[in-house]
Amino acid sequence: MLHTKQPSIRHASSATKDMTVGSPYALMVGFALPTFLSQVFQQLYNTADAFIVGRYLGTNALAAVTSSGTLIFLLVSLFMGIAMGGGIVISRYFGAGDAPRVSAAIHTMMAFGLASGVILMVVGVAFTPTLLQWMQTDPEVMPEAVEYFRYYFLGALAMVMYNVCRSIMNALGDSRRPLYYLIFSSVVNIVLDILFIGIFQWGVWSAAAATVISQAASVVLCMAHLLRKGNIYTIELRKIRFQRDLLIEILRYGLPSGVQNSVIAFANVIVQSQINSFGKLAMASYGVHAKIEGFAFLPITSFNMASTTFVSQNLGAKEYGRAKKGARFAILSAVLLAEAIGACYYVFAPQCIGFFDSNPGVIALGVRQARTVALFYFLLAYSHSIAAICRGAGKAFAPMFIMLSIWCVLRISYIAAVMCLSGEIGYIYWAYPLTWGISSVLYFIYYLRSDWVHGFEKAAKA
């Protein structure tokens, strides 16, 4: 049960931001901008690897690195989704002014991060060859892919703990410090890439090692901030443990998001395995396109993160009309931004793909995929926006069901059917806009007809 609202706790530190007062639009833009810049630098981790590896180590090494995204996302997505659930719980209690529950949720989240990071490290290192074989990785690429993945997953604990720390800070309205820490760690990553590969001429494993070291640096900075005494968010090492009621609450809101992420990742791994069957040029082009698309979609992801925190804090404070106003603004902003970005990518696709790999075959396939999907980015943005609002409202099961049925089952069924009827790679590319469109229709209906603003109250009664 929520305690009486106590606004004073939310002003205990400049590192927190109360999103229940002030202009919703200014607050959301102010939150989204540092989040956007943070994600730009986060994308620089693997993008720097891809660019430097492609320039110095050749197409095989590039394919090994760029094909890593889908498999890494598959393995980490469940844990990251649950971390998002923890952020929702923290935002809710923060908006309601319940300081003891905020602190308890933060310490439970830290315990979860430590346990899941160790599990992910063991699983990732042990099962890398099996997973890569399952994805039909080209035999020419396999040795370097195994090498890259294993070194990458040795740093899984740092990767998980950074995301847990970022979720905690974002839930409290602080999107600036994650930006500062990522700027530092991204610079470290790029410098180490150049040093290890360009100067020392080490293999593809060193690109993964550079990423791990830079992620560990960001965790050190996050923990230095969160261990400071006298704040609502202060972490005390002796208090880091699982608290049963809060762990259940975190799983209630986070597990559906984790399953949703895993479903998307699983579907993408199936797509990647089909792409891999077309050879290393198709692998490299698909991976490069994924890197570019990751950058292109960052503004939309930033608004989605802002809307989740905004909606969660305001529903915790029972500011229902304000939550609706912020949700509408987030949807409109994301859709317009996505279409503008998609149009630019459509026009400049050859230059974008060629920046990573000058191989004509890679460029041709990458441009073909880009010009198949880019003008449909508004559909992808709409689906993700509604999903983010539902998560912030504590109603994560609906997005999970839609993603499971459309982005996984339907997408995989479509690809299996078209590959039986025709072995043409272009049909695989069309799987994305088709499933984006269907999910957007379902999300539109759900948003209009569901009582999402009372999600927390209904969950509490249940």
Protein backbone atom coordinates (compact mmCIF):
# COMPACT_ATOMS: atom_id res chain seq x y z
CA MET A 1 0.00 0.00 0.00
CA LEU A 2 1.35 3.42 -0.97
CA HIS A 3 2.20 5.86 1.81
CA THR A 4 1.01 9.45 1.93
CA LYS A 5 2.69 11.58 -0.70
CA GLN A 6 5.73 13.43 0.68
CA PRO A 7 7.08 15.81 -1.96
CA SER A 8 10.12 16.71 0.11
CA ILE A 9 11.84 13.37 -0.43
CA ARG A 10 12.00 13.95 -4.15
CA HIS A 11 14.03 17.10 -3.68
CA ALA A 12 16.62 15.52 -1.40
CA SER A 13 19.18 15.62 -4.18
CA SER A 14 19.71 17.38 -7.49
CA ALA A 15 20.25 13.92 -8.97
CA THR A 16 16.50 13.23 -8.80
CA LYS A 17 13.71 14.91 -10.74
CA ASP A 18 10.02 15.03 -9.82
CA MET A 19 8.06 14.64 -13.08
CA THR A 20 4.68 15.14 -11.40
CA VAL A 21 4.93 18.96 -11.47
CA GLY A 22 5.84 21.40 -14.25
CA SER A 23 5.31 21.31 -18.00
CA PRO A 24 4.99 17.68 -19.20
CA TYR A 25 6.48 18.59 -22.56
CA ALA A 26 9.53 20.37 -21.15
CA LEU A 27 10.11 17.59 -18.62
CA MET A 28 9.92 14.83 -21.20
CA VAL A 29 12.17 16.60 -23.68
CA GLY A 30 14.58 17.43 -20.85
CA PHE A 31 14.66 13.75 -19.88
CA ALA A 32 14.78 12.42 -23.46
CA LEU A 33 17.69 14.58 -24.67
CA PRO A 34 20.33 13.26 -22.21
CA THR A 35 18.89 9.77 -22.70
CA PHE A 36 19.32 10.14 -26.46
CA LEU A 37 22.91 11.28 -26.09
CA SER A 38 23.56 8.42 -23.64
CA GLN A 39 22.31 5.88 -26.13
CA VAL A 40 24.35 7.45 -28.92
CA PHE A 41 27.48 6.82 -26.91
CA GLN A 42 26.27 3.37 -25.91
CA GLN A 43 25.82 2.49 -29.59
CA LEU A 44 29.38 3.66 -30.13
CA TYR A 45 30.58 0.61 -28.17
CA ASN A 46 29.83 -1.94 -30.87
CA THR A 47 29.79 0.52 -33.76
CA ALA A 48 33.39 1.52 -33.05
CA ASP A 49 34.22 -2.18 -32.94
CA ALA A 50 32.52 -2.73 -36.30
CA PHE A 51 34.16 0.24 -38.01
CA ILE A 52 37.69 -0.40 -36.75
CA VAL A 53 37.44 -4.18 -37.20
CA GLY A 54 36.09 -3.74 -40.74
CA ARG A 55 38.91 -1.37 -41.67
CA TYR A 56 41.79 -3.34 -40.12
CA LEU A 57 40.76 -7.01 -39.99
CA GLY A 58 38.57 -7.50 -43.08
CA THR A 59 35.09 -8.75 -43.98
CA ASN A 60 35.24 -12.04 -42.05
CA ALA A 61 36.04 -10.25 -38.79
CA LEU A 62 33.39 -7.61 -39.55
CA ALA A 63 30.77 -10.32 -40.08
CA ALA A 64 31.77 -11.92 -36.77
CA VAL A 65 31.32 -8.63 -34.88
CA THR A 66 28.22 -7.29 -36.63
CA SER A 67 26.35 -10.58 -36.37
CA SER A 68 26.79 -10.46 -32.59
CA GLY A 69 23.97 -8.04 -31.91
CA THR A 70 21.03 -10.41 -32.22
CA LEU A 71 22.62 -13.18 -30.16
CA ILE A 72 23.79 -10.79 -27.43
CA PHE A 73 20.33 -9.24 -27.28
CA LEU A 74 18.74 -12.69 -27.02
CA LEU A 75 20.88 -13.59 -24.01
CA VAL A 76 20.60 -10.28 -22.15
CA SER A 77 17.02 -9.28 -23.05
CA LEU A 78 15.28 -11.16 -20.24
CA PHE A 79 17.52 -9.59 -17.59
CA MET A 80 17.21 -6.13 -19.13
CA GLY A 81 13.42 -6.39 -19.22
CA ILE A 82 13.30 -7.27 -15.54
CA ALA A 83 15.58 -4.31 -14.83
CA MET A 84 13.03 -2.13 -16.61
CA GLY A 85 10.38 -3.56 -14.29
CA GLY A 86 12.51 -2.53 -11.34
CA GLY A 87 12.67 1.00 -12.74
CA ILE A 88 8.88 1.09 -12.98
CA VAL A 89 8.52 0.02 -9.33
CA ILE A 90 11.04 2.66 -8.20
CA SER A 91 9.32 5.38 -10.29
CA ARG A 92 5.94 4.47 -8.88
CA TYR A 93 7.02 4.75 -5.24
CA PHE A 94 9.11 7.82 -5.98
CA GLY A 95 6.07 9.54 -7.50
CA ALA A 96 4.02 8.58 -4.43
CA GLY A 97 6.68 9.95 -2.04
CA ASP A 98 7.36 6.58 -0.38
CA ALA A 99 11.08 6.81 0.50
CA PRO A 100 11.43 3.47 2.37
CA ARG A 101 9.98 1.51 -0.55
CA VAL A 102 12.21 3.38 -3.02
CA SER A 103 15.28 2.37 -1.04
CA ALA A 104 14.15 -1.23 -0.60
CA ALA A 105 13.41 -1.57 -4.32
CA ILE A 106 16.84 -0.19 -5.23
CA HIS A 107 18.66 -2.69 -3.00
CA THR A 108 16.58 -5.58 -4.37
CA MET A 109 17.45 -4.43 -7.90
CA MET A 110 21.15 -4.46 -7.06
CA ALA A 111 20.92 -8.02 -5.75
CA PHE A 112 19.12 -9.04 -8.93
CA GLY A 113 21.80 -7.43 -11.10
CA LEU A 114 24.67 -9.21 -9.35
CA ALA A 115 23.01 -12.62 -9.57
CA SER A 116 21.86 -12.30 -13.17
CA GLY A 117 25.22 -10.92 -14.36
CA VAL A 118 27.05 -13.99 -13.05
CA ILE A 119 24.48 -16.35 -14.61
CA LEU A 120 24.70 -14.58 -17.96
CA MET A 121 28.51 -14.71 -17.95
CA VAL A 122 28.57 -18.48 -17.34
CA VAL A 123 25.86 -19.27 -19.91
CA GLY A 124 27.30 -16.94 -22.57
CA VAL A 125 30.84 -18.29 -22.34
CA ALA A 126 29.81 -21.96 -22.13
CA PHE A 127 27.25 -22.06 -24.95
CA THR A 128 28.72 -19.66 -27.50
CA PRO A 129 29.75 -22.34 -30.09
CA THR A 130 26.41 -24.12 -29.81
CA LEU A 131 24.43 -20.92 -30.30
CA LEU A 132 26.52 -19.81 -33.27
CA GLN A 133 26.11 -23.20 -34.95
CA TRP A 134 22.37 -23.01 -34.37
CA MET A 135 22.39 -19.61 -36.12
CA GLN A 136 24.04 -21.22 -39.19
CA THR A 137 27.09 -18.99 -38.90
CA ASP A 138 29.32 -19.20 -41.98
CA PRO A 139 32.20 -21.65 -41.31
CA GLU A 140 34.70 -19.02 -42.51
CA VAL A 141 33.45 -16.63 -39.85
CA MET A 142 32.95 -19.15 -37.02
CA PRO A 143 36.43 -19.06 -35.37
CA GLU A 144 36.48 -15.28 -35.05
CA ALA A 145 32.81 -15.17 -33.98
CA VAL A 146 33.44 -17.65 -31.14
CA GLU A 147 36.50 -15.65 -30.08
CA TYR A 148 34.58 -12.35 -30.03
CA PHE A 149 31.52 -13.69 -28.19
CA ARG A 150 33.44 -15.43 -25.44
CA TYR A 151 35.49 -12.39 -24.56
CA TYR A 152 32.37 -10.23 -24.71
CA PHE A 153 30.46 -12.41 -22.26
CA LEU A 154 33.34 -12.49 -19.81
CA GLY A 155 32.22 -8.91 -19.08
CA ALA A 156 28.51 -9.76 -18.77
CA LEU A 157 28.42 -8.76 -15.09
CA ALA A 158 29.58 -5.24 -15.91
CA MET A 159 27.06 -5.00 -18.77
CA VAL A 160 24.12 -6.03 -16.55
CA MET A 161 25.17 -3.89 -13.59
CA TYR A 162 25.49 -0.76 -15.73
CA ASN A 163 21.96 -1.26 -17.04
CA VAL A 164 20.64 -1.83 -13.51
CA CYS A 165 22.32 1.36 -12.28
CA ARG A 166 21.00 3.29 -15.26
CA SER A 167 17.45 2.00 -14.63
CA ILE A 168 17.68 3.18 -11.02
CA MET A 169 18.85 6.68 -11.97
CA ASN A 170 16.33 7.01 -14.80
CA ALA A 171 13.49 5.92 -12.51
CA LEU A 172 14.38 8.84 -10.22
CA GLY A 173 14.27 11.25 -13.15
CA ASP A 174 18.04 11.47 -13.56
CA SER A 175 19.04 10.95 -17.19
CA ARG A 176 22.12 13.20 -17.10
CA ARG A 177 24.57 11.16 -15.06
CA PRO A 178 24.18 8.05 -17.25
CA LEU A 179 25.09 10.36 -20.15
CA TYR A 180 28.27 11.61 -18.47
CA TYR A 181 29.37 8.10 -17.55
CA LEU A 182 28.73 6.77 -21.04
CA ILE A 183 30.66 9.58 -22.68
CA PHE A 184 33.66 8.64 -20.59
CA SER A 185 33.35 4.89 -21.20
CA SER A 186 32.73 5.35 -24.95
CA VAL A 187 35.91 7.39 -25.29
CA VAL A 188 37.76 4.64 -23.40
CA ASN A 189 36.29 2.04 -25.75
CA ILE A 190 37.31 3.85 -28.93
CA VAL A 191 40.83 4.57 -27.66
CA LEU A 192 41.31 0.92 -26.68
CA ASP A 193 39.97 -0.28 -30.05
CA ILE A 194 42.50 1.85 -31.88
CA LEU A 195 45.27 0.78 -29.50
CA PHE A 196 44.52 -2.96 -29.51
CA ILE A 197 43.62 -3.41 -33.21
CA GLY A 198 45.19 -0.50 -35.06
CA ILE A 199 48.51 -0.32 -33.20
CA PHE A 200 49.05 -3.68 -31.47
CA GLN A 201 47.31 -5.52 -34.37
CA TRP A 202 45.61 -7.98 -32.05
CA GLY A 203 42.70 -10.11 -33.24
CA VAL A 204 38.95 -9.63 -33.09
CA TRP A 205 38.91 -10.73 -29.43
CA SER A 206 40.56 -7.45 -28.49
CA ALA A 207 37.53 -5.49 -29.74
CA ALA A 208 35.38 -7.39 -27.24
CA ALA A 209 38.00 -6.84 -24.52
CA ALA A 210 37.92 -3.08 -25.18
CA THR A 211 34.13 -3.08 -24.81
CA VAL A 212 34.28 -5.03 -21.55
CA ILE A 213 36.89 -2.71 -20.02
CA SER A 214 34.90 0.41 -20.98
CA GLN A 215 31.66 -1.04 -19.58
CA ALA A 216 33.42 -1.84 -16.31
CA ALA A 217 34.60 1.78 -16.14
CA SER A 218 31.01 3.03 -16.44
CA VAL A 219 29.90 0.70 -13.62
CA VAL A 220 32.62 2.09 -11.33
CA LEU A 221 31.37 5.62 -11.97
CA CYS A 222 27.72 4.63 -11.41
CA MET A 223 28.50 2.91 -8.12
CA ALA A 224 30.61 5.84 -6.91
CA HIS A 225 27.53 8.03 -7.35
CA LEU A 226 24.98 5.61 -5.86
CA LEU A 227 27.12 4.92 -2.77
CA ARG A 228 27.11 8.58 -1.72
CA LYS A 229 25.57 9.00 1.72
CA GLY A 230 22.47 10.94 2.63
CA ASN A 231 20.33 10.56 -0.51
CA ILE A 232 17.08 8.73 -1.18
CA TYR A 233 18.93 6.48 -3.61
CA THR A 234 21.98 5.77 -1.42
CA ILE A 235 23.09 2.13 -1.68
CA GLU A 236 24.40 0.44 1.46
CA LEU A 237 26.28 -2.76 0.69
CA ARG A 238 24.91 -4.57 3.77
CA LYS A 239 21.34 -3.94 2.56
CA ILE A 240 21.82 -5.53 -0.89
CA ARG A 241 19.58 -8.57 -0.78
CA PHE A 242 16.36 -9.93 -2.24
CA GLN A 243 13.30 -8.63 -0.43
CA ARG A 244 10.54 -11.05 -1.31
CA ASP A 245 7.58 -8.69 -1.71
CA LEU A 246 9.55 -6.20 -3.81
CA LEU A 247 11.15 -8.92 -5.90
CA ILE A 248 7.66 -10.25 -6.69
CA GLU A 249 6.55 -6.74 -7.63
CA ILE A 250 9.60 -6.19 -9.83
CA LEU A 251 9.01 -9.52 -11.57
CA ARG A 252 5.31 -8.73 -12.02
CA TYR A 253 6.14 -5.60 -14.00
CA GLY A 254 9.49 -6.65 -15.41
CA LEU A 255 9.04 -10.28 -16.44
CA PRO A 256 6.52 -9.50 -19.20
CA SER A 257 8.93 -6.87 -20.56
CA GLY A 258 11.78 -9.38 -20.33
CA VAL A 259 9.75 -12.02 -22.14
CA GLN A 260 8.77 -9.42 -24.73
CA ASN A 261 12.42 -8.52 -25.30
CA SER A 262 13.35 -12.20 -25.48
CA VAL A 263 10.58 -12.84 -27.99
CA ILE A 264 11.82 -10.01 -30.22
CA ALA A 265 15.39 -11.22 -29.83
CA PHE A 266 14.43 -14.82 -30.61
CA ALA A 267 12.61 -13.76 -33.76
CA ASN A 268 15.62 -11.68 -34.81
CA VAL A 269 17.92 -14.65 -34.22
CA ILE A 270 15.70 -16.73 -36.52
CA VAL A 271 15.91 -13.96 -39.13
CA GLN A 272 19.69 -13.75 -38.62
CA SER A 273 20.03 -17.51 -39.11
CA GLN A 274 18.14 -17.25 -42.42
CA ILE A 275 20.33 -14.32 -43.48
CA ASN A 276 23.46 -16.28 -42.51
CA SER A 277 22.49 -19.03 -44.96
CA PHE A 278 23.08 -16.53 -47.81
CA GLY A 279 26.78 -16.21 -46.94
CA LYS A 280 29.19 -13.77 -45.37
CA LEU A 281 28.26 -10.77 -47.57
CA ALA A 282 24.64 -11.06 -46.46
CA MET A 283 25.78 -11.44 -42.85
CA ALA A 284 27.94 -8.34 -43.03
CA SER A 285 25.27 -6.21 -44.77
CA TYR A 286 22.55 -7.27 -42.34
CA GLY A 287 24.81 -6.52 -39.38
CA VAL A 288 25.80 -3.11 -40.73
CA HIS A 289 22.15 -2.24 -41.37
CA ALA A 290 21.33 -3.24 -37.78
CA LYS A 291 24.05 -0.91 -36.48
CA ILE A 292 22.75 2.01 -38.53
CA GLU A 293 19.14 1.30 -37.62
CA GLY A 294 20.15 1.20 -33.97
CA PHE A 295 21.53 4.71 -34.26
CA ALA A 296 18.61 5.94 -36.36
CA PHE A 297 16.05 4.81 -33.81
CA LEU A 298 17.73 6.32 -30.75
CA PRO A 299 15.56 9.49 -30.59
CA ILE A 300 12.44 7.33 -30.54
CA THR A 301 13.83 5.02 -27.87
CA SER A 302 14.71 8.09 -25.79
CA PHE A 303 11.14 9.41 -25.90
CA ASN A 304 9.88 5.95 -24.99
CA MET A 305 12.13 5.83 -21.91
CA ALA A 306 10.97 9.32 -20.96
CA SER A 307 7.31 8.34 -21.33
CA THR A 308 7.74 5.20 -19.21
CA THR A 309 9.26 7.19 -16.32
CA PHE A 310 6.81 10.07 -16.74
CA VAL A 311 3.73 7.83 -16.84
CA SER A 312 4.94 5.70 -13.93
CA GLN A 313 5.71 8.66 -11.63
CA ASN A 314 2.44 10.42 -12.44
CA LEU A 315 0.27 7.36 -12.03
CA GLY A 316 2.03 6.70 -8.72
CA ALA A 317 0.99 10.25 -7.74
CA LYS A 318 -2.52 9.62 -9.17
CA GLU A 319 -2.10 12.40 -11.75
CA TYR A 320 -4.13 10.57 -14.41
CA GLY A 321 -4.85 13.46 -16.78
CA ARG A 322 -1.23 14.52 -16.70
CA ALA A 323 -0.09 10.98 -17.53
CA LYS A 324 -2.42 10.91 -20.56
CA LYS A 325 -1.14 14.27 -21.79
CA GLY A 326 2.47 13.10 -21.58
CA ALA A 327 1.64 9.83 -23.34
CA ARG A 328 0.03 11.63 -26.30
CA PHE A 329 3.03 13.93 -26.64
CA ALA A 330 5.46 10.99 -26.56
CA ILE A 331 3.56 9.08 -29.26
CA LEU A 332 3.34 12.06 -31.62
CA SER A 333 7.00 12.99 -31.15
CA ALA A 334 8.21 9.43 -31.71
CA VAL A 335 6.16 8.86 -34.88
CA LEU A 336 7.18 12.15 -36.52
CA LEU A 337 10.84 11.70 -35.64
CA ALA A 338 10.87 8.12 -36.91
CA GLU A 339 9.46 9.03 -40.31
CA ALA A 340 11.89 11.93 -40.74
CA ILE A 341 14.81 9.65 -39.87
CA GLY A 342 13.51 6.90 -42.14
CA ALA A 343 13.28 9.29 -45.11
CA CYS A 344 16.89 10.43 -44.58
CA TYR A 345 18.12 6.85 -44.31
CA TYR A 346 16.25 5.89 -47.49
CA VAL A 347 18.01 8.64 -49.45
CA PHE A 348 21.51 8.22 -48.00
CA ALA A 349 21.55 4.43 -47.57
CA PRO A 350 24.52 3.80 -49.96
CA GLN A 351 26.73 6.27 -48.11
CA CYS A 352 25.69 4.93 -44.69
CA ILE A 353 26.38 1.29 -45.59
CA GLY A 354 29.59 2.14 -47.44
CA PHE A 355 30.94 3.94 -44.38
CA PHE A 356 31.34 0.55 -42.68
CA ASP A 357 32.32 -1.67 -45.62
CA SER A 358 33.30 -0.66 -49.16
CA ASN A 359 32.60 -4.15 -50.56
CA PRO A 360 30.06 -3.63 -53.43
CA GLY A 361 28.16 -6.79 -52.49
CA VAL A 362 27.72 -5.66 -48.89
CA ILE A 363 26.60 -2.19 -50.01
CA ALA A 364 24.08 -3.56 -52.52
CA LEU A 365 22.40 -5.88 -50.01
CA GLY A 366 22.45 -3.29 -47.22
CA VAL A 367 20.86 -0.63 -49.43
CA ARG A 368 18.19 -3.06 -50.53
CA GLN A 369 17.21 -3.82 -46.95
CA ALA A 370 17.34 -0.15 -45.91
CA ARG A 371 15.05 0.92 -48.75
CA THR A 372 12.61 -1.86 -47.94
CA VAL A 373 12.07 -0.88 -44.30
CA ALA A 374 13.10 2.76 -43.73
CA LEU A 375 9.86 4.46 -44.81
CA PHE A 376 7.89 2.24 -42.41
CA TYR A 377 9.76 3.38 -39.30
CA PHE A 378 6.68 5.32 -38.14
CA LEU A 379 4.91 1.99 -37.57
CA LEU A 380 7.80 0.66 -35.51
CA ALA A 381 7.84 3.89 -33.49
CA TYR A 382 4.10 3.72 -32.79
CA SER A 383 4.27 0.13 -31.55
CA HIS A 384 7.22 0.86 -29.27
CA SER A 385 5.57 4.05 -27.93
CA ILE A 386 2.40 2.26 -26.83
CA ALA A 387 4.45 -0.57 -25.33
CA ALA A 388 6.48 1.97 -23.30
CA ILE A 389 3.32 3.66 -22.00
CA CYS A 390 1.84 0.30 -21.01
CA ARG A 391 5.03 -0.61 -19.13
CA GLY A 392 4.96 2.70 -17.26
CA ALA A 393 1.34 2.00 -16.30
CA GLY A 394 2.15 -1.45 -14.95
CA LYS A 395 0.32 -3.19 -17.80
CA ALA A 396 3.16 -5.06 -19.47
CA PHE A 397 1.23 -8.23 -20.36
CA ALA A 398 -0.57 -6.71 -23.36
CA PRO A 399 2.69 -5.64 -25.11
CA MET A 400 4.16 -9.05 -24.31
CA PHE A 401 1.20 -10.85 -25.91
CA ILE A 402 1.23 -8.66 -29.03
CA MET A 403 4.99 -9.04 -29.49
CA LEU A 404 4.81 -12.80 -28.93
CA SER A 405 2.00 -13.34 -31.43
CA ILE A 406 3.03 -10.85 -34.14
CA TRP A 407 6.76 -10.13 -33.88
CA CYS A 408 7.65 -13.73 -33.10
CA VAL A 409 5.08 -16.31 -34.20
CA LEU A 410 3.75 -14.48 -37.26
CA ARG A 411 7.16 -13.16 -38.35
CA ILE A 412 8.83 -16.57 -38.09
CA SER A 413 5.88 -18.28 -39.82
CA TYR A 414 6.01 -15.75 -42.65
CA ILE A 415 9.76 -16.23 -43.15
CA ALA A 416 9.44 -20.03 -43.09
CA ALA A 417 6.67 -19.86 -45.70
CA VAL A 418 8.41 -17.49 -48.10
CA MET A 419 11.70 -19.36 -47.84
CA CYS A 420 9.91 -22.58 -48.81
CA LEU A 421 8.21 -20.89 -51.75
CA SER A 422 11.14 -18.72 -52.81
CA GLY A 423 14.77 -18.52 -51.70
CA GLU A 424 14.89 -14.75 -52.36
CA ILE A 425 16.46 -12.68 -49.58
CA GLY A 426 14.25 -9.67 -50.27
CA TYR A 427 11.22 -11.46 -48.82
CA ILE A 428 13.01 -11.72 -45.48
CA TYR A 429 13.43 -7.95 -45.39
CA TRP A 430 9.68 -7.47 -45.84
CA ALA A 431 8.98 -9.44 -42.64
CA TYR A 432 9.69 -6.31 -40.60
CA PRO A 433 7.31 -3.68 -42.07
CA LEU A 434 4.52 -6.27 -42.36
CA THR A 435 4.66 -7.23 -38.69
CA TRP A 436 5.19 -3.62 -37.58
CA GLY A 437 1.97 -2.65 -39.36
CA ILE A 438 -0.13 -5.43 -37.82
CA SER A 439 1.16 -4.77 -34.29
CA SER A 440 0.47 -1.03 -34.68
CA VAL A 441 -3.18 -1.73 -35.49
CA LEU A 442 -3.52 -3.94 -32.40
CA TYR A 443 -1.77 -1.39 -30.19
CA PHE A 444 -4.05 1.39 -31.50
CA ILE A 445 -7.14 -0.61 -30.53
CA TYR A 446 -5.72 -1.48 -27.12
CA TYR A 447 -4.70 2.09 -26.32
CA LEU A 448 -8.18 3.42 -27.09
CA ARG A 449 -10.18 0.70 -25.35
CA SER A 450 -8.15 -0.26 -22.27
CA ASP A 451 -8.14 1.48 -18.88
CA TRP A 452 -4.36 1.67 -18.73
CA VAL A 453 -4.26 4.65 -16.34
CA HIS A 454 -5.53 2.48 -13.47
CA GLY A 455 -3.09 -0.37 -14.06
CA PHE A 456 -1.32 -0.08 -10.70
CA GLU A 457 -4.58 0.04 -8.69
CA LYS A 458 -5.94 -3.04 -10.44
CA ALA A 459 -2.68 -4.93 -9.90
CA ALA A 460 -2.70 -4.00 -6.19
CA LYS A 461 -6.28 -5.24 -5.79
CA ALA A 462 -5.45 -8.49 -7.59
